[in-house]
N, C-alpha and C. Protein backbone atom coordinates (compact mmCIF):
# COMPACT_ATOMS: atom_id res chain seq x y z
N MET A 1 0.85 -1.17 0.00
CA MET A 1 0.00 0.00 0.00
C MET A 1 0.90 1.24 0.00
N TYR A 2 0.45 2.26 -0.69
CA TYR A 2 1.23 3.49 -0.77
C TYR A 2 0.36 4.67 -0.37
N GLU A 3 1.00 5.67 0.18
CA GLU A 3 0.31 6.88 0.62
C GLU A 3 0.94 8.06 -0.08
N ASP A 4 0.14 8.88 -0.76
CA ASP A 4 0.66 10.07 -1.42
C ASP A 4 0.61 11.21 -0.42
N ASP A 5 1.77 11.72 -0.05
CA ASP A 5 1.87 12.76 0.97
C ASP A 5 2.61 13.94 0.40
N GLU A 6 1.86 14.90 -0.11
CA GLU A 6 2.43 16.10 -0.69
C GLU A 6 3.50 15.78 -1.72
N HIS A 7 3.07 15.05 -2.76
CA HIS A 7 3.91 14.76 -3.93
C HIS A 7 5.04 13.80 -3.65
N GLU A 8 5.01 13.10 -2.55
CA GLU A 8 6.03 12.10 -2.27
C GLU A 8 5.34 10.82 -1.84
N THR A 9 5.71 9.73 -2.47
CA THR A 9 5.10 8.45 -2.16
C THR A 9 5.92 7.75 -1.08
N VAL A 10 5.23 7.26 -0.08
CA VAL A 10 5.88 6.57 1.03
C VAL A 10 5.28 5.17 1.12
N ALA A 11 6.14 4.17 1.10
CA ALA A 11 5.66 2.80 1.24
C ALA A 11 5.21 2.58 2.68
N LYS A 12 3.97 2.17 2.82
CA LYS A 12 3.45 1.89 4.15
C LYS A 12 3.48 0.39 4.35
N THR A 13 4.10 -0.03 5.42
CA THR A 13 4.13 -1.44 5.77
C THR A 13 3.36 -1.64 7.06
N LEU A 14 3.04 -2.88 7.33
CA LEU A 14 2.34 -3.18 8.57
C LEU A 14 3.17 -2.74 9.77
N TRP A 15 4.48 -2.95 9.72
CA TRP A 15 5.35 -2.55 10.83
C TRP A 15 5.35 -1.04 11.01
N SER A 16 5.41 -0.30 9.92
CA SER A 16 5.41 1.16 10.00
C SER A 16 4.12 1.67 10.63
N GLU A 17 2.99 1.12 10.20
CA GLU A 17 1.71 1.55 10.76
C GLU A 17 1.60 1.13 12.22
N THR A 18 2.18 -0.01 12.57
CA THR A 18 2.18 -0.45 13.96
C THR A 18 2.98 0.50 14.83
N LEU A 19 4.10 0.99 14.30
CA LEU A 19 4.91 1.98 15.02
C LEU A 19 4.12 3.25 15.30
N ILE A 20 3.38 3.71 14.30
CA ILE A 20 2.58 4.92 14.47
C ILE A 20 1.47 4.68 15.49
N GLU A 21 0.83 3.51 15.44
CA GLU A 21 -0.20 3.20 16.42
C GLU A 21 0.39 3.14 17.83
N ALA A 22 1.57 2.53 17.96
CA ALA A 22 2.23 2.46 19.27
C ALA A 22 2.59 3.85 19.77
N LEU A 23 3.02 4.71 18.85
CA LEU A 23 3.32 6.10 19.22
C LEU A 23 2.08 6.78 19.77
N CYS A 24 0.95 6.60 19.10
CA CYS A 24 -0.30 7.20 19.56
C CYS A 24 -0.68 6.69 20.95
N ILE A 25 -0.50 5.40 21.18
CA ILE A 25 -0.80 4.83 22.50
C ILE A 25 0.10 5.44 23.56
N ASN A 26 1.39 5.56 23.24
CA ASN A 26 2.33 6.14 24.21
C ASN A 26 2.03 7.61 24.47
N LEU A 27 1.56 8.31 23.46
CA LEU A 27 1.17 9.71 23.66
C LEU A 27 -0.06 9.80 24.57
N LYS A 28 -1.01 8.89 24.37
CA LYS A 28 -2.21 8.87 25.22
C LYS A 28 -1.85 8.58 26.67
N LYS A 29 -0.82 7.74 26.86
CA LYS A 29 -0.37 7.39 28.20
C LYS A 29 0.59 8.41 28.78
N ASP A 30 0.87 9.47 28.01
CA ASP A 30 1.76 10.55 28.42
C ASP A 30 3.14 10.04 28.85
N LYS A 31 3.70 9.18 27.99
CA LYS A 31 5.05 8.64 28.24
C LYS A 31 6.07 9.77 28.17
N PRO A 32 7.23 9.58 28.79
CA PRO A 32 8.28 10.61 28.79
C PRO A 32 8.79 10.92 27.37
N ASP A 33 9.33 12.12 27.23
CA ASP A 33 9.84 12.56 25.93
C ASP A 33 10.87 11.60 25.34
N ALA A 34 11.73 11.04 26.19
CA ALA A 34 12.77 10.13 25.69
C ALA A 34 12.16 8.94 24.97
N ALA A 35 11.10 8.38 25.49
CA ALA A 35 10.44 7.24 24.85
C ALA A 35 9.79 7.66 23.53
N ILE A 36 9.18 8.83 23.52
CA ILE A 36 8.53 9.32 22.30
C ILE A 36 9.59 9.63 21.24
N ILE A 37 10.68 10.24 21.62
CA ILE A 37 11.74 10.58 20.67
C ILE A 37 12.32 9.32 20.03
N GLU A 38 12.51 8.27 20.83
CA GLU A 38 13.03 7.02 20.28
C GLU A 38 12.10 6.47 19.19
N MET A 39 10.82 6.53 19.44
CA MET A 39 9.85 6.06 18.45
C MET A 39 9.85 6.97 17.22
N LEU A 40 9.93 8.27 17.44
CA LEU A 40 9.93 9.21 16.33
C LEU A 40 11.15 9.01 15.42
N ARG A 41 12.29 8.69 16.02
CA ARG A 41 13.49 8.42 15.22
C ARG A 41 13.28 7.22 14.31
N GLU A 42 12.69 6.20 14.85
CA GLU A 42 12.45 4.99 14.05
C GLU A 42 11.43 5.26 12.95
N ILE A 43 10.38 6.00 13.27
CA ILE A 43 9.37 6.34 12.27
C ILE A 43 9.97 7.23 11.19
N LYS A 44 10.77 8.20 11.60
CA LYS A 44 11.41 9.10 10.64
C LYS A 44 12.35 8.31 9.72
N ALA A 45 13.04 7.32 10.26
CA ALA A 45 13.94 6.49 9.46
C ALA A 45 13.18 5.69 8.40
N LYS A 46 11.91 5.44 8.64
CA LYS A 46 11.06 4.73 7.67
C LYS A 46 10.64 5.64 6.53
N GLY A 47 10.91 6.94 6.65
CA GLY A 47 10.62 7.87 5.56
C GLY A 47 9.30 8.62 5.66
N PHE A 48 8.65 8.51 6.80
CA PHE A 48 7.39 9.25 6.95
C PHE A 48 7.66 10.73 7.14
N LYS A 49 6.90 11.54 6.47
CA LYS A 49 7.02 12.99 6.58
C LYS A 49 6.34 13.48 7.85
N PRO A 50 6.90 14.53 8.47
CA PRO A 50 6.28 15.09 9.68
C PRO A 50 4.82 15.48 9.50
N ASP A 51 4.45 16.02 8.34
CA ASP A 51 3.07 16.44 8.13
C ASP A 51 2.11 15.24 8.16
N TYR A 52 2.51 14.15 7.56
CA TYR A 52 1.69 12.94 7.57
C TYR A 52 1.55 12.42 9.00
N LEU A 53 2.67 12.34 9.70
CA LEU A 53 2.68 11.86 11.07
C LEU A 53 1.81 12.74 11.97
N ASN A 54 1.96 14.04 11.83
CA ASN A 54 1.17 14.96 12.66
C ASN A 54 -0.32 14.86 12.37
N SER A 55 -0.69 14.67 11.11
CA SER A 55 -2.11 14.54 10.80
C SER A 55 -2.69 13.27 11.41
N LYS A 56 -1.92 12.16 11.40
CA LYS A 56 -2.37 10.92 12.02
C LYS A 56 -2.53 11.10 13.53
N ILE A 57 -1.56 11.75 14.16
CA ILE A 57 -1.59 11.95 15.61
C ILE A 57 -2.73 12.89 15.99
N LYS A 58 -2.89 13.95 15.24
CA LYS A 58 -3.96 14.90 15.53
C LYS A 58 -5.32 14.21 15.45
N LYS A 59 -5.49 13.37 14.45
CA LYS A 59 -6.75 12.66 14.26
C LYS A 59 -6.99 11.65 15.39
N ASP A 60 -5.95 10.91 15.78
CA ASP A 60 -6.09 9.83 16.75
C ASP A 60 -5.98 10.27 18.21
N VAL A 61 -5.14 11.28 18.48
CA VAL A 61 -4.87 11.64 19.87
C VAL A 61 -5.30 13.07 20.20
N GLY A 62 -5.18 13.97 19.24
CA GLY A 62 -5.60 15.35 19.48
C GLY A 62 -4.50 16.36 19.17
N GLU A 63 -4.89 17.61 19.16
CA GLU A 63 -3.99 18.71 18.80
C GLU A 63 -2.83 18.86 19.78
N ALA A 64 -3.09 18.67 21.07
CA ALA A 64 -2.02 18.83 22.06
C ALA A 64 -0.90 17.82 21.81
N ALA A 65 -1.26 16.58 21.51
CA ALA A 65 -0.25 15.55 21.23
C ALA A 65 0.49 15.86 19.93
N ALA A 66 -0.23 16.36 18.93
CA ALA A 66 0.40 16.72 17.67
C ALA A 66 1.41 17.86 17.88
N SER A 67 1.06 18.81 18.71
CA SER A 67 1.98 19.92 19.02
C SER A 67 3.22 19.40 19.74
N ARG A 68 3.03 18.47 20.65
CA ARG A 68 4.16 17.88 21.36
C ARG A 68 5.10 17.17 20.38
N VAL A 69 4.53 16.41 19.46
CA VAL A 69 5.34 15.69 18.47
C VAL A 69 6.08 16.67 17.58
N ARG A 70 5.43 17.73 17.14
CA ARG A 70 6.10 18.74 16.31
C ARG A 70 7.31 19.31 17.05
N ALA A 71 7.14 19.61 18.34
CA ALA A 71 8.24 20.16 19.12
C ALA A 71 9.38 19.14 19.27
N LEU A 72 9.03 17.90 19.51
CA LEU A 72 10.07 16.87 19.67
C LEU A 72 10.78 16.58 18.35
N LEU A 73 10.07 16.64 17.24
CA LEU A 73 10.68 16.40 15.93
C LEU A 73 11.74 17.45 15.61
N ARG A 74 11.55 18.66 16.12
CA ARG A 74 12.55 19.72 15.88
C ARG A 74 13.89 19.38 16.53
N ASN A 75 13.86 18.52 17.56
CA ASN A 75 15.08 18.17 18.28
C ASN A 75 15.76 16.90 17.75
N ILE A 76 15.19 16.33 16.72
CA ILE A 76 15.76 15.09 16.17
C ILE A 76 16.62 15.42 14.96
């Protein structure tokens, strides 16, 4: 399966989507920044764009979590 994200195609795998779901769960549980950053590094290495990731988080967890992820992504 492929996702078109602002003119760039990203291969979505079951593992990649599982990582994003796990990230959302950890955000809901308000895990420490270090745990979230570790997951974000792995997701970023898979080639997901920040805008795609933020839209998924905003939809699943809310704007506050999306803002937190945006801030943490700036430090990676």
